[in-house]
Amino acid sequence: MRAVDDARIEHVIFDLLAARADGASICPSDVARALHDDERAWRALLPCVRDVAMQLARHRRLRFTRGAATLDPEAPGRGPIRLRLPARA
């Protein structure tokens, strides 16, 4: 069982993005840190944050990015990723 439920993680993702300028991104660790102060706890939460973000990306509610490139959330490759809202139509 997750220490923090998926709905709470999703809520924090969108709250953090709403607090940023249009087009800005956040790191998955920003989300985990917003949910836990303890380093061990937030690091343990990172896989859950990525799982929730992947589900949101599958539904086109979120994008995984590295630099200007949008990544496939199923195979983001190695290296840091950022979470960003989809471009507005």
PDB file of N, CA and C in Angstrom:
ATOM      1  N   MET A   1       0.844  -1.188   0.000  1.00  0.00           N
ATOM      2  CA  MET A   1       0.000   0.000   0.000  1.00  0.00           C
ATOM      3  C   MET A   1       0.886   1.248   0.000  1.00  0.00           C
ATOM      4  N   ARG A   2       0.492   2.243  -0.768  1.00  0.00           N
ATOM      5  CA  ARG A   2       1.247   3.488  -0.848  1.00  0.00           C
ATOM      6  C   ARG A   2       0.974   4.343   0.377  1.00  0.00           C
ATOM      7  N   ALA A   3       2.030   5.027   0.826  1.00  0.00           N
ATOM      8  CA  ALA A   3       1.886   5.918   1.976  1.00  0.00           C
ATOM      9  C   ALA A   3       1.025   7.129   1.616  1.00  0.00           C
ATOM     10  N   VAL A   4       1.046   7.501   0.342  1.00  0.00           N
ATOM     11  CA  VAL A   4       0.253   8.623  -0.165  1.00  0.00           C
ATOM     12  C   VAL A   4      -0.540   8.092  -1.351  1.00  0.00           C
ATOM     13  N   ASP A   5      -1.829   8.385  -1.403  1.00  0.00           N
ATOM     14  CA  ASP A   5      -2.626   7.828  -2.504  1.00  0.00           C
ATOM     15  C   ASP A   5      -2.422   8.608  -3.801  1.00  0.00           C
ATOM     16  N   ASP A   6      -2.783   7.949  -4.897  1.00  0.00           N
ATOM     17  CA  ASP A   6      -2.580   8.508  -6.229  1.00  0.00           C
ATOM     18  C   ASP A   6      -3.281   9.855  -6.414  1.00  0.00           C
ATOM     19  N   ALA A   7      -4.484   9.979  -5.856  1.00  0.00           N
ATOM     20  CA  ALA A   7      -5.234  11.231  -5.998  1.00  0.00           C
ATOM     21  C   ALA A   7      -4.485  12.393  -5.352  1.00  0.00           C
ATOM     22  N   ARG A   8      -3.862  12.133  -4.213  1.00  0.00           N
ATOM     23  CA  ARG A   8      -3.091  13.189  -3.530  1.00  0.00           C
ATOM     24  C   ARG A   8      -1.866  13.577  -4.360  1.00  0.00           C
ATOM     25  N   ILE A   9      -1.184  12.594  -4.921  1.00  0.00           N
ATOM     26  CA  ILE A   9      -0.022  12.872  -5.771  1.00  0.00           C
ATOM     27  C   ILE A   9      -0.452  13.705  -6.973  1.00  0.00           C
ATOM     28  N   GLU A  10      -1.540  13.308  -7.631  1.00  0.00           N
ATOM     29  CA  GLU A  10      -2.048  14.055  -8.782  1.00  0.00           C
ATOM     30  C   GLU A  10      -2.374  15.494  -8.387  1.00  0.00           C
ATOM     31  N   HIS A  11      -3.028  15.662  -7.270  1.00  0.00           N
ATOM     32  CA  HIS A  11      -3.396  16.998  -6.794  1.00  0.00           C
ATOM     33  C   HIS A  11      -2.143  17.866  -6.607  1.00  0.00           C
ATOM     34  N   VAL A  12      -1.116  17.315  -6.006  1.00  0.00           N
ATOM     35  CA  VAL A  12       0.120  18.076  -5.775  1.00  0.00           C
ATOM     36  C   VAL A  12       0.805  18.404  -7.103  1.00  0.00           C
ATOM     37  N   ILE A  13       0.828  17.474  -8.040  1.00  0.00           N
ATOM     38  CA  ILE A  13       1.423  17.750  -9.355  1.00  0.00           C
ATOM     39  C   ILE A  13       0.767  18.989  -9.973  1.00  0.00           C
ATOM     40  N   PHE A  14      -0.568  18.985 -10.021  1.00  0.00           N
ATOM     41  CA  PHE A  14      -1.260  20.097 -10.670  1.00  0.00           C
ATOM     42  C   PHE A  14      -1.200  21.388  -9.853  1.00  0.00           C
ATOM     43  N   ASP A  15      -1.153  21.287  -8.535  1.00  0.00           N
ATOM     44  CA  ASP A  15      -0.976  22.487  -7.703  1.00  0.00           C
ATOM     45  C   ASP A  15       0.388  23.131  -7.956  1.00  0.00           C
ATOM     46  N   LEU A  16       1.434  22.309  -8.004  1.00  0.00           N
ATOM     47  CA  LEU A  16       2.771  22.855  -8.244  1.00  0.00           C
ATOM     48  C   LEU A  16       2.874  23.475  -9.632  1.00  0.00           C
ATOM     49  N   LEU A  17       2.296  22.820 -10.626  1.00  0.00           N
ATOM     50  CA  LEU A  17       2.333  23.378 -11.986  1.00  0.00           C
ATOM     51  C   LEU A  17       1.524  24.669 -12.078  1.00  0.00           C
ATOM     52  N   ALA A  18       0.407  24.740 -11.371  1.00  0.00           N
ATOM     53  CA  ALA A  18      -0.422  25.954 -11.387  1.00  0.00           C
ATOM     54  C   ALA A  18       0.307  27.132 -10.753  1.00  0.00           C
ATOM     55  N   ALA A  19       1.210  26.850  -9.841  1.00  0.00           N
ATOM     56  CA  ALA A  19       1.953  27.910  -9.164  1.00  0.00           C
ATOM     57  C   ALA A  19       3.119  28.428 -10.003  1.00  0.00           C
ATOM     58  N   ARG A  20       3.413  27.770 -11.106  1.00  0.00           N
ATOM     59  CA  ARG A  20       4.522  28.153 -11.986  1.00  0.00           C
ATOM     60  C   ARG A  20       3.998  28.975 -13.154  1.00  0.00           C
ATOM     61  N   ALA A  21       4.901  29.630 -13.833  1.00  0.00           N
ATOM     62  CA  ALA A  21       4.554  30.393 -15.028  1.00  0.00           C
ATOM     63  C   ALA A  21       4.060  29.434 -16.111  1.00  0.00           C
ATOM     64  N   ASP A  22       3.255  29.962 -17.038  1.00  0.00           N
ATOM     65  CA  ASP A  22       2.790  29.145 -18.168  1.00  0.00           C
ATOM     66  C   ASP A  22       3.994  28.539 -18.882  1.00  0.00           C
ATOM     67  N   GLY A  23       3.903  27.256 -19.174  1.00  0.00           N
ATOM     68  CA  GLY A  23       4.969  26.571 -19.885  1.00  0.00           C
ATOM     69  C   GLY A  23       6.088  26.059 -18.998  1.00  0.00           C
ATOM     70  N   ALA A  24       6.074  26.406 -17.709  1.00  0.00           N
ATOM     71  CA  ALA A  24       7.122  25.949 -16.796  1.00  0.00           C
ATOM     72  C   ALA A  24       6.919  24.478 -16.460  1.00  0.00           C
ATOM     73  N   SER A  25       7.963  23.874 -15.933  1.00  0.00           N
ATOM     74  CA  SER A  25       7.905  22.455 -15.585  1.00  0.00           C
ATOM     75  C   SER A  25       8.325  22.260 -14.133  1.00  0.00           C
ATOM     76  N   ILE A  26       8.078  21.055 -13.656  1.00  0.00           N
ATOM     77  CA  ILE A  26       8.513  20.662 -12.320  1.00  0.00           C
ATOM     78  C   ILE A  26       9.243  19.333 -12.424  1.00  0.00           C
ATOM     79  N   CYS A  27      10.024  19.046 -11.429  1.00  0.00           N
ATOM     80  CA  CYS A  27      10.719  17.766 -11.321  1.00  0.00           C
ATOM     81  C   CYS A  27       9.852  16.826 -10.477  1.00  0.00           C
ATOM     82  N   PRO A  28       9.847  15.535 -10.775  1.00  0.00           N
ATOM     83  CA  PRO A  28       9.110  14.605  -9.912  1.00  0.00           C
ATOM     84  C   PRO A  28       9.530  14.729  -8.445  1.00  0.00           C
ATOM     85  N   SER A  29      10.792  15.062  -8.202  1.00  0.00           N
ATOM     86  CA  SER A  29      11.229  15.209  -6.808  1.00  0.00           C
ATOM     87  C   SER A  29      10.569  16.407  -6.129  1.00  0.00           C
ATOM     88  N   ASP A  30      10.188  17.432  -6.894  1.00  0.00           N
ATOM     89  CA  ASP A  30       9.444  18.565  -6.318  1.00  0.00           C
ATOM     90  C   ASP A  30       8.131  18.072  -5.706  1.00  0.00           C
ATOM     91  N   VAL A  31       7.493  17.161  -6.410  1.00  0.00           N
ATOM     92  CA  VAL A  31       6.216  16.599  -5.945  1.00  0.00           C
ATOM     93  C   VAL A  31       6.444  15.768  -4.691  1.00  0.00           C
ATOM     94  N   ALA A  32       7.432  14.883  -4.739  1.00  0.00           N
ATOM     95  CA  ALA A  32       7.719  14.028  -3.589  1.00  0.00           C
ATOM     96  C   ALA A  32       8.093  14.860  -2.366  1.00  0.00           C
ATOM     97  N   ARG A  33       8.884  15.902  -2.580  1.00  0.00           N
ATOM     98  CA  ARG A  33       9.284  16.766  -1.453  1.00  0.00           C
ATOM     99  C   ARG A  33       8.099  17.546  -0.881  1.00  0.00           C
ATOM    100  N   ALA A  34       7.142  17.878  -1.725  1.00  0.00           N
ATOM    101  CA  ALA A  34       5.951  18.577  -1.240  1.00  0.00           C
ATOM    102  C   ALA A  34       5.085  17.658  -0.370  1.00  0.00           C
ATOM    103  N   LEU A  35       5.244  16.368  -0.557  1.00  0.00           N
ATOM    104  CA  LEU A  35       4.451  15.398   0.186  1.00  0.00           C
ATOM    105  C   LEU A  35       5.135  14.897   1.458  1.00  0.00           C
ATOM    106  N   HIS A  36       6.459  14.958   1.497  1.00  0.00           N
ATOM    107  CA  HIS A  36       7.224  14.491   2.664  1.00  0.00           C
ATOM    108  C   HIS A  36       8.427  15.381   2.893  1.00  0.00           C
ATOM    109  N   ASP A  37       8.682  15.717   4.144  1.00  0.00           N
ATOM    110  CA  ASP A  37       9.867  16.498   4.510  1.00  0.00           C
ATOM    111  C   ASP A  37      11.109  15.623   4.654  1.00  0.00           C
ATOM    112  N   ASP A  38      10.910  14.404   5.105  1.00  0.00           N
ATOM    113  CA  ASP A  38      12.013  13.485   5.352  1.00  0.00           C
ATOM    114  C   ASP A  38      12.590  12.967   4.032  1.00  0.00           C
ATOM    115  N   GLU A  39      13.903  13.100   3.853  1.00  0.00           N
ATOM    116  CA  GLU A  39      14.531  12.702   2.590  1.00  0.00           C
ATOM    117  C   GLU A  39      14.297  11.234   2.252  1.00  0.00           C
ATOM    118  N   ARG A  40      14.422  10.363   3.219  1.00  0.00           N
ATOM    119  CA  ARG A  40      14.212   8.937   2.954  1.00  0.00           C
ATOM    120  C   ARG A  40      12.785   8.692   2.470  1.00  0.00           C
ATOM    121  N   ALA A  41      11.817   9.370   3.078  1.00  0.00           N
ATOM    122  CA  ALA A  41      10.415   9.190   2.709  1.00  0.00           C
ATOM    123  C   ALA A  41      10.125   9.735   1.319  1.00  0.00           C
ATOM    124  N   TRP A  42      10.621  10.936   1.006  1.00  0.00           N
ATOM    125  CA  TRP A  42      10.309  11.469  -0.326  1.00  0.00           C
ATOM    126  C   TRP A  42      11.028  10.699  -1.421  1.00  0.00           C
ATOM    127  N   ARG A  43      12.241  10.230  -1.153  1.00  0.00           N
ATOM    128  CA  ARG A  43      12.935   9.414  -2.161  1.00  0.00           C
ATOM    129  C   ARG A  43      12.194   8.101  -2.412  1.00  0.00           C
ATOM    130  N   ALA A  44      11.657   7.513  -1.352  1.00  0.00           N
ATOM    131  CA  ALA A  44      10.887   6.271  -1.498  1.00  0.00           C
ATOM    132  C   ALA A  44       9.598   6.502  -2.275  1.00  0.00           C
ATOM    133  N   LEU A  45       9.082   7.715  -2.236  1.00  0.00           N
ATOM    134  CA  LEU A  45       7.836   8.058  -2.930  1.00  0.00           C
ATOM    135  C   LEU A  45       8.034   8.335  -4.427  1.00  0.00           C
ATOM    136  N   LEU A  46       9.259   8.585  -4.859  1.00  0.00           N
ATOM    137  CA  LEU A  46       9.507   8.941  -6.263  1.00  0.00           C
ATOM    138  C   LEU A  46       8.940   7.941  -7.277  1.00  0.00           C
ATOM    139  N   PRO A  47       9.092   6.640  -7.100  1.00  0.00           N
ATOM    140  CA  PRO A  47       8.491   5.720  -8.079  1.00  0.00           C
ATOM    141  C   PRO A  47       6.972   5.891  -8.181  1.00  0.00           C
ATOM    142  N   CYS A  48       6.316   6.162  -7.060  1.00  0.00           N
ATOM    143  CA  CYS A  48       4.863   6.379  -7.078  1.00  0.00           C
ATOM    144  C   CYS A  48       4.525   7.655  -7.839  1.00  0.00           C
ATOM    145  N   VAL A  49       5.302   8.708  -7.625  1.00  0.00           N
ATOM    146  CA  VAL A  49       5.083   9.967  -8.340  1.00  0.00           C
ATOM    147  C   VAL A  49       5.235   9.736  -9.841  1.00  0.00           C
ATOM    148  N   ARG A  50       6.265   9.019 -10.228  1.00  0.00           N
ATOM    149  CA  ARG A  50       6.475   8.730 -11.660  1.00  0.00           C
ATOM    150  C   ARG A  50       5.331   7.890 -12.230  1.00  0.00           C
ATOM    151  N   ASP A  51       4.841   6.932 -11.466  1.00  0.00           N
ATOM    152  CA  ASP A  51       3.710   6.103 -11.927  1.00  0.00           C
ATOM    153  C   ASP A  51       2.465   6.951 -12.174  1.00  0.00           C
ATOM    154  N   VAL A  52       2.157   7.835 -11.231  1.00  0.00           N
ATOM    155  CA  VAL A  52       0.984   8.703 -11.389  1.00  0.00           C
ATOM    156  C   VAL A  52       1.193   9.633 -12.584  1.00  0.00           C
ATOM    157  N   ALA A  53       2.384  10.197 -12.699  1.00  0.00           N
ATOM    158  CA  ALA A  53       2.677  11.080 -13.832  1.00  0.00           C
ATOM    159  C   ALA A  53       2.553  10.329 -15.157  1.00  0.00           C
ATOM    160  N   MET A  54       2.991   9.075 -15.184  1.00  0.00           N
ATOM    161  CA  MET A  54       2.878   8.279 -16.406  1.00  0.00           C
ATOM    162  C   MET A  54       1.413   8.082 -16.789  1.00  0.00           C
ATOM    163  N   GLN A  55       0.569   7.807 -15.813  1.00  0.00           N
ATOM    164  CA  GLN A  55      -0.862   7.655 -16.087  1.00  0.00           C
ATOM    165  C   GLN A  55      -1.455   8.962 -16.631  1.00  0.00           C
ATOM    166  N   LEU A  56      -1.070  10.073 -16.047  1.00  0.00           N
ATOM    167  CA  LEU A  56      -1.559  11.374 -16.524  1.00  0.00           C
ATOM    168  C   LEU A  56      -1.073  11.643 -17.943  1.00  0.00           C
ATOM    169  N   ALA A  57       0.155  11.264 -18.236  1.00  0.00           N
ATOM    170  CA  ALA A  57       0.690  11.452 -19.591  1.00  0.00           C
ATOM    171  C   ALA A  57      -0.029  10.557 -20.593  1.00  0.00           C
ATOM    172  N   ARG A  58      -0.367   9.356 -20.191  1.00  0.00           N
ATOM    173  CA  ARG A  58      -1.121   8.455 -21.077  1.00  0.00           C
ATOM    174  C   ARG A  58      -2.466   9.059 -21.465  1.00  0.00           C
ATOM    175  N   HIS A  59      -3.038   9.822 -20.549  1.00  0.00           N
ATOM    176  CA  HIS A  59      -4.328  10.465 -20.801  1.00  0.00           C
ATOM    177  C   HIS A  59      -4.164  11.886 -21.328  1.00  0.00           C
ATOM    178  N   ARG A  60      -2.941  12.233 -21.696  1.00  0.00           N
ATOM    179  CA  ARG A  60      -2.597  13.536 -22.288  1.00  0.00           C
ATOM    180  C   ARG A  60      -2.916  14.719 -21.372  1.00  0.00           C
ATOM    181  N   ARG A  61      -2.849  14.486 -20.072  1.00  0.00           N
ATOM    182  CA  ARG A  61      -3.061  15.566 -19.108  1.00  0.00           C
ATOM    183  C   ARG A  61      -1.734  16.152 -18.641  1.00  0.00           C
ATOM    184  N   LEU A  62      -0.636  15.507 -19.043  1.00  0.00           N
ATOM    185  CA  LEU A  62       0.696  15.887 -18.599  1.00  0.00           C
ATOM    186  C   LEU A  62       1.689  15.443 -19.659  1.00  0.00           C
ATOM    187  N   ARG A  63       2.844  16.107 -19.719  1.00  0.00           N
ATOM    188  CA  ARG A  63       3.919  15.693 -20.631  1.00  0.00           C
ATOM    189  C   ARG A  63       5.190  15.429 -19.833  1.00  0.00           C
ATOM    190  N   PHE A  64       5.933  14.428 -20.236  1.00  0.00           N
ATOM    191  CA  PHE A  64       7.283  14.190 -19.735  1.00  0.00           C
ATOM    192  C   PHE A  64       8.207  14.913 -20.699  1.00  0.00           C
ATOM    193  N   THR A  65       9.131  15.708 -20.194  1.00  0.00           N
ATOM    194  CA  THR A  65      10.054  16.423 -21.070  1.00  0.00           C
ATOM    195  C   THR A  65      11.484  16.315 -20.557  1.00  0.00           C
ATOM    196  N   ARG A  66      12.401  16.511 -21.473  1.00  0.00           N
ATOM    197  CA  ARG A  66      13.822  16.689 -21.176  1.00  0.00           C
ATOM    198  C   ARG A  66      14.263  17.794 -22.113  1.00  0.00           C
ATOM    199  N   GLY A  67      14.558  18.946 -21.542  1.00  0.00           N
ATOM    200  CA  GLY A  67      14.823  20.112 -22.379  1.00  0.00           C
ATOM    201  C   GLY A  67      13.544  20.465 -23.113  1.00  0.00           C
ATOM    202  N   ALA A  68      13.647  20.697 -24.407  1.00  0.00           N
ATOM    203  CA  ALA A  68      12.469  21.035 -25.211  1.00  0.00           C
ATOM    204  C   ALA A  68      11.760  19.796 -25.756  1.00  0.00           C
ATOM    205  N   ALA A  69      12.356  18.621 -25.583  1.00  0.00           N
ATOM    206  CA  ALA A  69      11.803  17.394 -26.166  1.00  0.00           C
ATOM    207  C   ALA A  69      10.738  16.768 -25.275  1.00  0.00           C
ATOM    208  N   THR A  70       9.633  16.368 -25.887  1.00  0.00           N
ATOM    209  CA  THR A  70       8.613  15.586 -25.189  1.00  0.00           C
ATOM    210  C   THR A  70       9.023  14.126 -25.276  1.00  0.00           C
ATOM    211  N   LEU A  71       8.993  13.443 -24.153  1.00  0.00           N
ATOM    212  CA  LEU A  71       9.415  12.053 -24.070  1.00  0.00           C
ATOM    213  C   LEU A  71       8.215  11.117 -24.044  1.00  0.00           C
ATOM    214  N   ASP A  72       8.436   9.907 -24.477  1.00  0.00           N
ATOM    215  CA  ASP A  72       7.433   8.853 -24.345  1.00  0.00           C
ATOM    216  C   ASP A  72       7.409   8.459 -22.873  1.00  0.00           C
ATOM    217  N   PRO A  73       6.297   8.633 -22.169  1.00  0.00           N
ATOM    218  CA  PRO A  73       6.276   8.308 -20.740  1.00  0.00           C
ATOM    219  C   PRO A  73       6.511   6.823 -20.466  1.00  0.00           C
ATOM    220  N   GLU A  74       6.255   5.979 -21.464  1.00  0.00           N
ATOM    221  CA  GLU A  74       6.483   4.547 -21.295  1.00  0.00           C
ATOM    222  C   GLU A  74       7.977   4.214 -21.358  1.00  0.00           C
ATOM    223  N   ALA A  75       8.751   5.052 -22.030  1.00  0.00           N
ATOM    224  CA  ALA A  75      10.182   4.811 -22.200  1.00  0.00           C
ATOM    225  C   ALA A  75      10.917   6.152 -22.222  1.00  0.00           C
ATOM    226  N   PRO A  76      10.987   6.821 -21.072  1.00  0.00           N
ATOM    227  CA  PRO A  76      11.609   8.149 -21.053  1.00  0.00           C
ATOM    228  C   PRO A  76      13.118   8.132 -21.224  1.00  0.00           C
ATOM    229  N   GLY A  77      13.725   6.952 -21.189  1.00  0.00           N
ATOM    230  CA  GLY A  77      15.173   6.870 -21.312  1.00  0.00           C
ATOM    231  C   GLY A  77      15.850   7.253 -20.002  1.00  0.00           C
ATOM    232  N   ARG A  78      17.145   7.368 -20.069  1.00  0.00           N
ATOM    233  CA  ARG A  78      17.926   7.703 -18.883  1.00  0.00           C
ATOM    234  C   ARG A  78      18.104   9.202 -18.781  1.00  0.00           C
ATOM    235  N   GLY A  79      18.229   9.654 -17.571  1.00  0.00           N
ATOM    236  CA  GLY A  79      18.455  11.075 -17.340  1.00  0.00           C
ATOM    237  C   GLY A  79      17.263  11.729 -16.684  1.00  0.00           C
ATOM    238  N   PRO A  80      17.441  12.973 -16.299  1.00  0.00           N
ATOM    239  CA  PRO A  80      16.377  13.686 -15.593  1.00  0.00           C
ATOM    240  C   PRO A  80      15.176  13.947 -16.491  1.00  0.00           C
ATOM    241  N   ILE A  81      14.014  13.933 -15.884  1.00  0.00           N
ATOM    242  CA  ILE A  81      12.795  14.277 -16.613  1.00  0.00           C
ATOM    243  C   ILE A  81      12.120  15.432 -15.892  1.00  0.00           C
ATOM    244  N   ARG A  82      11.275  16.116 -16.618  1.00  0.00           N
ATOM    245  CA  ARG A  82      10.465  17.198 -16.067  1.00  0.00           C
ATOM    246  C   ARG A  82       9.013  16.885 -16.389  1.00  0.00           C
ATOM    247  N   LEU A  83       8.119  17.427 -15.599  1.00  0.00           N
ATOM    248  CA  LEU A  83       6.685  17.274 -15.821  1.00  0.00           C
ATOM    249  C   LEU A  83       6.138  18.629 -16.230  1.00  0.00           C
ATOM    250  N   ARG A  84       5.346  18.634 -17.280  1.00  0.00           N
ATOM    251  CA  ARG A  84       4.853  19.878 -17.851  1.00  0.00           C
ATOM    252  C   ARG A  84       3.420  19.669 -18.315  1.00  0.00           C
ATOM    253  N   LEU A  85       2.623  20.711 -18.245  1.00  0.00           N
ATOM    254  CA  LEU A  85       1.273  20.635 -18.789  1.00  0.00           C
ATOM    255  C   LEU A  85       1.329  20.545 -20.307  1.00  0.00           C
ATOM    256  N   PRO A  86       0.344  19.914 -20.939  1.00  0.00           N
ATOM    257  CA  PRO A  86       0.308  19.893 -22.403  1.00  0.00           C
ATOM    258  C   PRO A  86       0.151  21.290 -22.963  1.00  0.00           C
ATOM    259  N   ALA A  87       0.627  21.484 -24.172  1.00  0.00           N
ATOM    260  CA  ALA A  87       0.450  22.781 -24.834  1.00  0.00           C
ATOM    261  C   ALA A  87      -1.024  23.026 -25.055  1.00  0.00           C
ATOM    262  N   ARG A  88      -1.427  24.259 -24.879  1.00  0.00           N
ATOM    263  CA  ARG A  88      -2.831  24.599 -25.114  1.00  0.00           C
ATOM    264  C   ARG A  88      -3.103  24.687 -26.594  1.00  0.00           C
ATOM    265  N   ALA A  89      -4.277  24.182 -26.978  1.00  0.00           N
ATOM    266  CA  ALA A  89      -4.648  24.180 -28.401  1.00  0.00           C
ATOM    267  C   ALA A  89      -5.081  25.544 -28.847  1.00  0.00           C
TER     268      ALA A  89
END
